[in-house]
C-alpha atoms as a PDB file:
ATOM      1  CA  UNK A   1      33.503 -19.132  -5.296  1.00  0.00           C
ATOM      2  CA  UNK A   2      35.251 -16.058  -6.908  1.00  0.00           C
ATOM      3  CA  UNK A   3      31.706 -14.661  -6.907  1.00  0.00           C
ATOM      4  CA  UNK A   4      31.963 -14.411  -3.230  1.00  0.00           C
ATOM      5  CA  UNK A   5      35.336 -12.333  -3.566  1.00  0.00           C
ATOM      6  CA  UNK A   6      33.699 -10.143  -5.960  1.00  0.00           C
ATOM      7  CA  UNK A   7      30.672  -9.540  -3.560  1.00  0.00           C
ATOM      8  CA  UNK A   8      32.953  -8.949  -0.960  1.00  0.00           C
ATOM      9  CA  UNK A   9      34.625  -6.037  -2.886  1.00  0.00           C
ATOM     10  CA  UNK A  10      31.286  -4.511  -4.024  1.00  0.00           C
ATOM     11  CA  UNK A  11      30.306  -4.811  -0.491  1.00  0.00           C
ATOM     12  CA  UNK A  12      33.062  -2.488   0.682  1.00  0.00           C
ATOM     13  CA  UNK A  13      32.261  -0.208  -2.124  1.00  0.00           C
ATOM     14  CA  UNK A  14      28.670  -0.004  -1.248  1.00  0.00           C
ATOM     15  CA  UNK A  15      29.501   0.761   2.507  1.00  0.00           C
ATOM     16  CA  UNK A  16      32.011   3.482   1.418  1.00  0.00           C
ATOM     17  CA  UNK A  17      28.971   5.116  -0.710  1.00  0.00           C
ATOM     18  CA  UNK A  18      26.840   4.866   2.461  1.00  0.00           C
ATOM     19  CA  UNK A  19      29.610   6.700   4.194  1.00  0.00           C
ATOM     20  CA  UNK A  20      29.874   9.299   1.833  1.00  0.00           C
ATOM     21  CA  UNK A  21      26.152   9.742   2.078  1.00  0.00           C
ATOM     22  CA  UNK A  22      25.901  10.015   5.697  1.00  0.00           C
ATOM     23  CA  UNK A  23      29.335  12.328   6.125  1.00  0.00           C
ATOM     24  CA  UNK A  24      27.958  14.732   3.274  1.00  0.00           C
ATOM     25  CA  UNK A  25      24.483  15.180   5.330  1.00  0.00           C
ATOM     26  CA  UNK A  26      22.598  13.506   2.673  1.00  0.00           C
ATOM     27  CA  UNK A  27      20.963  10.666   4.732  1.00  0.00           C
ATOM     28  CA  UNK A  28      17.728  12.062   5.851  1.00  0.00           C
ATOM     29  CA  UNK A  29      15.398   8.930   5.519  1.00  0.00           C
ATOM     30  CA  UNK A  30      18.036   6.123   4.591  1.00  0.00           C
ATOM     31  CA  UNK A  31      16.035   5.288   1.547  1.00  0.00           C
ATOM     32  CA  UNK A  32      18.753   6.246  -0.854  1.00  0.00           C
ATOM     33  CA  UNK A  33      21.233   3.518   0.979  1.00  0.00           C
ATOM     34  CA  UNK A  34      18.589   0.883   1.119  1.00  0.00           C
ATOM     35  CA  UNK A  35      18.431   1.354  -2.996  1.00  0.00           C
ATOM     36  CA  UNK A  36      21.841   0.397  -3.266  1.00  0.00           C
ATOM     37  CA  UNK A  37      21.999  -3.095  -3.781  1.00  0.00           C
ATOM     38  CA  UNK A  38      24.520  -5.874  -4.948  1.00  0.00           C
ATOM     39  CA  UNK A  39      22.603  -8.167  -7.436  1.00  0.00           C
ATOM     40  CA  UNK A  40      23.905 -11.690  -7.547  1.00  0.00           C
ATOM     41  CA  UNK A  41      21.611 -12.978  -9.858  1.00  0.00           C
ATOM     42  CA  UNK A  42      23.624 -12.895 -13.042  1.00  0.00           C
ATOM     43  CA  UNK A  43      26.903 -14.268 -14.042  1.00  0.00           C
ATOM     44  CA  UNK A  44      28.818 -12.114 -11.778  1.00  0.00           C
ATOM     45  CA  UNK A  45      27.360  -9.623  -8.910  1.00  0.00           C
ATOM     46  CA  UNK A  46      26.784  -6.032  -9.804  1.00  0.00           C
ATOM     47  CA  UNK A  47      26.418  -2.985  -7.484  1.00  0.00           C
ATOM     48  CA  UNK A  48      23.229  -1.122  -8.570  1.00  0.00           C
ATOM     49  CA  UNK A  49      22.733   2.673  -7.421  1.00  0.00           C
ATOM     50  CA  UNK A  50      19.722   4.477  -7.751  1.00  0.00           C
ATOM     51  CA  UNK A  51      19.677   6.727 -10.929  1.00  0.00           C
ATOM     52  CA  UNK A  52      19.179   9.831  -9.065  1.00  0.00           C
ATOM     53  CA  UNK A  53      22.495   9.302  -7.033  1.00  0.00           C
ATOM     54  CA  UNK A  54      24.203  11.085  -9.906  1.00  0.00           C
ATOM     55  CA  UNK A  55      21.982  13.841  -9.342  1.00  0.00           C
ATOM     56  CA  UNK A  56      22.909  14.126  -5.711  1.00  0.00           C
ATOM     57  CA  UNK A  57      26.434  14.654  -6.867  1.00  0.00           C
ATOM     58  CA  UNK A  58      25.876  16.775 -10.314  1.00  0.00           C
ATOM     59  CA  UNK A  59      22.923  18.968  -9.019  1.00  0.00           C
ATOM     60  CA  UNK A  60      19.764  19.419 -11.172  1.00  0.00           C
ATOM     61  CA  UNK A  61      18.466  22.045 -13.271  1.00  0.00           C
ATOM     62  CA  UNK A  62      15.306  23.750 -13.170  1.00  0.00           C
ATOM     63  CA  UNK A  63      12.283  21.488 -14.217  1.00  0.00           C
ATOM     64  CA  UNK A  64      11.506  22.083 -18.010  1.00  0.00           C
ATOM     65  CA  UNK A  65       7.963  23.230 -19.117  1.00  0.00           C
ATOM     66  CA  UNK A  66       6.844  19.795 -20.106  1.00  0.00           C
ATOM     67  CA  UNK A  67       8.664  17.709 -17.796  1.00  0.00           C
ATOM     68  CA  UNK A  68       7.730  13.620 -17.084  1.00  0.00           C
ATOM     69  CA  UNK A  69       6.816  13.454 -13.440  1.00  0.00           C
ATOM     70  CA  UNK A  70       9.151  10.946 -11.420  1.00  0.00           C
ATOM     71  CA  UNK A  71       8.039   7.741  -9.837  1.00  0.00           C
ATOM     72  CA  UNK A  72       7.387   8.327  -7.115  1.00  0.00           C
ATOM     73  CA  UNK A  73       6.412  11.854  -7.779  1.00  0.00           C
ATOM     74  CA  UNK A  74       9.046  14.567  -6.537  1.00  0.00           C
ATOM     75  CA  UNK A  75       6.621  16.023  -4.108  1.00  0.00           C
ATOM     76  CA  UNK A  76       6.318  12.838  -2.258  1.00  0.00           C
ATOM     77  CA  UNK A  77       9.966  12.508  -2.041  1.00  0.00           C
ATOM     78  CA  UNK A  78      10.384  15.965  -0.610  1.00  0.00           C
ATOM     79  CA  UNK A  79       7.517  15.188   1.625  1.00  0.00           C
ATOM     80  CA  UNK A  80       9.546  12.284   3.006  1.00  0.00           C
ATOM     81  CA  UNK A  81      12.463  14.336   3.264  1.00  0.00           C
ATOM     82  CA  UNK A  82      10.694  16.898   5.055  1.00  0.00           C
ATOM     83  CA  UNK A  83       9.243  14.546   7.734  1.00  0.00           C
ATOM     84  CA  UNK A  84      12.667  12.855   8.395  1.00  0.00           C
ATOM     85  CA  UNK A  85      14.308  16.415   8.853  1.00  0.00           C
ATOM     86  CA  UNK A  86      11.312  17.792  11.204  1.00  0.00           C
ATOM     87  CA  UNK A  87      10.109  20.150   8.601  1.00  0.00           C
ATOM     88  CA  UNK A  88       6.687  20.968   8.591  1.00  0.00           C
ATOM     89  CA  UNK A  89       4.847  19.028   5.772  1.00  0.00           C
ATOM     90  CA  UNK A  90       3.652  22.414   4.131  1.00  0.00           C
ATOM     91  CA  UNK A  91       6.817  23.205   3.485  1.00  0.00           C
ATOM     92  CA  UNK A  92       7.235  20.578   0.806  1.00  0.00           C
ATOM     93  CA  UNK A  93       5.264  22.577  -1.787  1.00  0.00           C
ATOM     94  CA  UNK A  94       7.688  25.627  -1.103  1.00  0.00           C
ATOM     95  CA  UNK A  95      10.676  23.488  -1.644  1.00  0.00           C
ATOM     96  CA  UNK A  96       9.504  21.814  -4.861  1.00  0.00           C
ATOM     97  CA  UNK A  97       8.329  25.065  -6.509  1.00  0.00           C
ATOM     98  CA  UNK A  98      12.079  26.327  -5.703  1.00  0.00           C
ATOM     99  CA  UNK A  99      13.609  23.091  -7.153  1.00  0.00           C
ATOM    100  CA  UNK A 100      11.272  23.641 -10.092  1.00  0.00           C
ATOM    101  CA  UNK A 101      12.333  27.393 -10.521  1.00  0.00           C
ATOM    102  CA  UNK A 102      15.858  27.218  -9.639  1.00  0.00           C
ATOM    103  CA  UNK A 103      17.012  23.509  -9.502  1.00  0.00           C
ATOM    104  CA  UNK A 104      19.493  22.566  -6.859  1.00  0.00           C
ATOM    105  CA  UNK A 105      23.264  22.178  -6.356  1.00  0.00           C
ATOM    106  CA  UNK A 106      24.683  19.107  -6.097  1.00  0.00           C
ATOM    107  CA  UNK A 107      27.515  17.905  -3.488  1.00  0.00           C
ATOM    108  CA  UNK A 108      30.623  17.089  -5.652  1.00  0.00           C
ATOM    109  CA  UNK A 109      32.554  14.037  -4.631  1.00  0.00           C
ATOM    110  CA  UNK A 110      29.385  12.098  -3.020  1.00  0.00           C
ATOM    111  CA  UNK A 111      29.765   9.267  -5.404  1.00  0.00           C
ATOM    112  CA  UNK A 112      32.747  10.052  -7.395  1.00  0.00           C
ATOM    113  CA  UNK A 113      35.023   9.825  -4.329  1.00  0.00           C
ATOM    114  CA  UNK A 114      33.855   6.383  -3.340  1.00  0.00           C
ATOM    115  CA  UNK A 115      33.804   5.237  -6.781  1.00  0.00           C
ATOM    116  CA  UNK A 116      37.381   6.754  -7.643  1.00  0.00           C
ATOM    117  CA  UNK A 117      40.085   4.661  -9.148  1.00  0.00           C
ATOM    118  CA  UNK A 118      42.186   5.167  -5.794  1.00  0.00           C
ATOM    119  CA  UNK A 119      39.490   3.795  -4.041  1.00  0.00           C
ATOM    120  CA  UNK A 120      38.460   1.198  -6.221  1.00  0.00           C
ATOM    121  CA  UNK A 121      42.247  -0.027  -6.328  1.00  0.00           C
ATOM    122  CA  UNK A 122      42.381  -0.012  -2.231  1.00  0.00           C
ATOM    123  CA  UNK A 123      39.381  -2.426  -2.211  1.00  0.00           C
ATOM    124  CA  UNK A 124      40.608  -4.344  -4.973  1.00  0.00           C
ATOM    125  CA  UNK A 125      43.918  -4.911  -3.223  1.00  0.00           C
ATOM    126  CA  UNK A 126      42.031  -6.146   0.131  1.00  0.00           C
ATOM    127  CA  UNK A 127      40.199  -8.548  -2.223  1.00  0.00           C
ATOM    128  CA  UNK A 128      42.621  -9.733  -4.745  1.00  0.00           C
ATOM    129  CA  UNK A 129      44.951 -11.922  -2.575  1.00  0.00           C
ATOM    130  CA  UNK A 130      42.161 -14.484  -1.194  1.00  0.00           C
ATOM    131  CA  UNK A 131      40.902 -14.558  -5.093  1.00  0.00           C
ATOM    132  CA  UNK A 132      44.068 -15.575  -6.610  1.00  0.00           C
ATOM    133  CA  UNK A 133      44.656 -18.095  -3.699  1.00  0.00           C
ATOM    134  CA  UNK A 134      41.194 -19.634  -4.668  1.00  0.00           C
ATOM    135  CA  UNK A 135      41.880 -19.301  -8.583  1.00  0.00           C
ATOM    136  CA  UNK A 136      45.307 -21.072  -7.882  1.00  0.00           C
ATOM    137  CA  UNK A 137      43.881 -23.700  -5.982  1.00  0.00           C
ATOM    138  CA  UNK A 138      41.119 -24.391  -8.533  1.00  0.00           C
ATOM    139  CA  UNK A 139      44.041 -24.622 -11.221  1.00  0.00           C
ATOM    140  CA  UNK A 140      46.104 -27.055  -8.798  1.00  0.00           C
ATOM    141  CA  UNK A 141      42.893 -29.087  -8.145  1.00  0.00           C
ATOM    142  CA  UNK A 142      42.235 -29.376 -11.794  1.00  0.00           C
ATOM    143  CA  UNK A 143      45.435 -30.592 -12.789  1.00  0.00           C
ATOM    144  CA  UNK A 144      45.312 -33.109  -9.999  1.00  0.00           C
ATOM    145  CA  UNK A 145      48.499 -31.600  -8.293  1.00  0.00           C
ATOM    146  CA  UNK A 146      47.175 -31.480  -5.048  1.00  0.00           C
END
């Protein structure tokens, strides 16, 4: 039962991250938001983010000479972004070449603000009372005091 409360807590963090993407103009296709998931298969729920989320915040350096292609390749992701923004497809190669040469500046706070200690504490405060009540009731029930 407590996992339900943890899932609720993680859902609130997920919502905060998606709102941060939207308010910082990083929500062109919605693909990143769709890749933010809560995995409930294990012992406790986990918030899983795509690896490149950190790059959205910290930026990306120029491409190294022997770089391993991403999956999907960067050009495919840029083409999707161009399409979502109404930018002609032919501009995708120029954008890729610019990123290869110069990298790109990140958006500080896009991830660190929703996952800050202050925000996590705020979201935990909203979840902790129902969780405490449930645990207390389980203890009372197991002792046969109800």
